Amino acid sequence: MNKAELIEAMANGAGISKADAKKALDAFVDSTTSTLKSGGRVALVGFGSFSVSNRSARTGRNPQTGKEIQNRCKERC
């Protein structure tokens, strides 16, 4: 499901216009993003939890060439 499909499903489920559903979804995404950027956690019972974790850099491999690559993790990954 993409964003447009989600907006349509929200509009139909709540009996509101697609414009209002888009505003509601954008507000949810903005609030969630803001909370996560500030180091918080978002938990929606019955749906899932969102949080940001810090991980150290690691060496990976390009699957096409086999060449080693270093991820660019600076603060949060």
C-alpha atoms as a PDB file:
ATOM      1  CA  MET A   1       0.000   0.000   0.000  1.00  0.00           C
ATOM      2  CA  ASN A   2       1.407   3.376  -0.957  1.00  0.00           C
ATOM      3  CA  LYS A   3       0.596   6.795   0.508  1.00  0.00           C
ATOM      4  CA  ALA A   4      -2.224   7.535  -1.955  1.00  0.00           C
ATOM      5  CA  GLU A   5      -3.861   4.168  -1.234  1.00  0.00           C
ATOM      6  CA  LEU A   6      -3.540   4.728   2.510  1.00  0.00           C
ATOM      7  CA  ILE A   7      -5.133   8.170   2.219  1.00  0.00           C
ATOM      8  CA  GLU A   8      -8.030   6.687   0.243  1.00  0.00           C
ATOM      9  CA  ALA A   9      -8.498   3.886   2.780  1.00  0.00           C
ATOM     10  CA  MET A  10      -8.447   6.378   5.668  1.00  0.00           C
ATOM     11  CA  ALA A  11     -10.971   8.614   3.922  1.00  0.00           C
ATOM     12  CA  ASN A  12     -13.326   5.717   3.217  1.00  0.00           C
ATOM     13  CA  GLY A  13     -12.928   4.218   6.686  1.00  0.00           C
ATOM     14  CA  ALA A  14     -13.517   7.472   8.536  1.00  0.00           C
ATOM     15  CA  GLY A  15     -16.097   8.910   6.148  1.00  0.00           C
ATOM     16  CA  ILE A  16     -14.029  12.025   5.482  1.00  0.00           C
ATOM     17  CA  SER A  17     -12.650  13.662   2.358  1.00  0.00           C
ATOM     18  CA  LYS A  18      -9.327  12.593   0.883  1.00  0.00           C
ATOM     19  CA  ALA A  19      -8.003  16.107   1.592  1.00  0.00           C
ATOM     20  CA  ASP A  20      -8.832  15.741   5.295  1.00  0.00           C
ATOM     21  CA  ALA A  21      -7.352  12.231   5.364  1.00  0.00           C
ATOM     22  CA  LYS A  22      -4.147  13.566   3.773  1.00  0.00           C
ATOM     23  CA  LYS A  23      -3.939  16.325   6.397  1.00  0.00           C
ATOM     24  CA  ALA A  24      -4.402  13.753   9.163  1.00  0.00           C
ATOM     25  CA  LEU A  25      -1.756  11.414   7.725  1.00  0.00           C
ATOM     26  CA  ASP A  26       0.709  14.265   7.209  1.00  0.00           C
ATOM     27  CA  ALA A  27       0.143  15.415  10.800  1.00  0.00           C
ATOM     28  CA  PHE A  28       0.779  11.868  12.052  1.00  0.00           C
ATOM     29  CA  VAL A  29       3.978  11.518  10.019  1.00  0.00           C
ATOM     30  CA  ASP A  30       5.234  14.963  11.092  1.00  0.00           C
ATOM     31  CA  SER A  31       4.526  14.263  14.774  1.00  0.00           C
ATOM     32  CA  THR A  32       6.135  10.836  14.612  1.00  0.00           C
ATOM     33  CA  THR A  33       9.195  12.186  12.797  1.00  0.00           C
ATOM     34  CA  SER A  34       9.592  15.007  15.294  1.00  0.00           C
ATOM     35  CA  THR A  35       9.350  12.648  18.257  1.00  0.00           C
ATOM     36  CA  LEU A  36      11.885  10.230  16.784  1.00  0.00           C
ATOM     37  CA  LYS A  37      14.321  13.022  15.899  1.00  0.00           C
ATOM     38  CA  SER A  38      14.228  14.232  19.495  1.00  0.00           C
ATOM     39  CA  GLY A  39      15.112  10.754  20.742  1.00  0.00           C
ATOM     40  CA  GLY A  40      11.613   9.716  21.766  1.00  0.00           C
ATOM     41  CA  ARG A  41       9.629   6.572  21.044  1.00  0.00           C
ATOM     42  CA  VAL A  42       6.177   6.171  19.487  1.00  0.00           C
ATOM     43  CA  ALA A  43       4.115   3.143  20.565  1.00  0.00           C
ATOM     44  CA  LEU A  44       0.707   2.371  19.051  1.00  0.00           C
ATOM     45  CA  VAL A  45      -0.894  -0.577  20.831  1.00  0.00           C
ATOM     46  CA  GLY A  46      -2.019  -3.187  18.345  1.00  0.00           C
ATOM     47  CA  PHE A  47       0.019  -1.656  15.524  1.00  0.00           C
ATOM     48  CA  GLY A  48       3.687  -1.304  16.448  1.00  0.00           C
ATOM     49  CA  SER A  49       6.435   0.748  18.019  1.00  0.00           C
ATOM     50  CA  PHE A  50       8.836   3.167  16.389  1.00  0.00           C
ATOM     51  CA  SER A  51      12.219   4.151  17.774  1.00  0.00           C
ATOM     52  CA  VAL A  52      15.660   5.132  16.557  1.00  0.00           C
ATOM     53  CA  SER A  53      18.659   3.009  17.466  1.00  0.00           C
ATOM     54  CA  ASN A  54      22.304   3.926  17.361  1.00  0.00           C
ATOM     55  CA  ARG A  55      24.568   1.416  15.677  1.00  0.00           C
ATOM     56  CA  SER A  56      28.261   1.489  15.025  1.00  0.00           C
ATOM     57  CA  ALA A  57      29.645   1.599  11.504  1.00  0.00           C
ATOM     58  CA  ARG A  58      30.379  -1.700   9.827  1.00  0.00           C
ATOM     59  CA  THR A  59      32.073  -2.985   6.715  1.00  0.00           C
ATOM     60  CA  GLY A  60      29.849  -4.477   4.049  1.00  0.00           C
ATOM     61  CA  ARG A  61      30.306  -5.827   0.551  1.00  0.00           C
ATOM     62  CA  ASN A  62      28.911  -4.677  -2.762  1.00  0.00           C
ATOM     63  CA  PRO A  63      27.071  -7.817  -3.963  1.00  0.00           C
ATOM     64  CA  GLN A  64      27.843  -7.084  -7.628  1.00  0.00           C
ATOM     65  CA  THR A  65      31.573  -6.430  -7.332  1.00  0.00           C
ATOM     66  CA  GLY A  66      32.493  -8.008  -4.010  1.00  0.00           C
ATOM     67  CA  LYS A  67      34.325  -4.792  -3.107  1.00  0.00           C
ATOM     68  CA  GLU A  68      34.334  -3.825   0.582  1.00  0.00           C
ATOM     69  CA  ILE A  69      32.383  -0.696   1.479  1.00  0.00           C
ATOM     70  CA  GLN A  70      32.139   1.249   4.721  1.00  0.00           C
ATOM     71  CA  ASN A  71      28.709   2.539   5.718  1.00  0.00           C
ATOM     72  CA  ARG A  72      28.480   6.263   6.417  1.00  0.00           C
ATOM     73  CA  CYS A  73      26.929   6.052   9.849  1.00  0.00           C
ATOM     74  CA  LYS A  74      27.820   9.210  11.764  1.00  0.00           C
ATOM     75  CA  GLU A  75      25.313   9.772  14.558  1.00  0.00           C
ATOM     76  CA  ARG A  76      22.195   7.654  14.031  1.00  0.00           C
ATOM     77  CA  CYS A  77      21.681   4.850  11.564  1.00  0.00           C
END
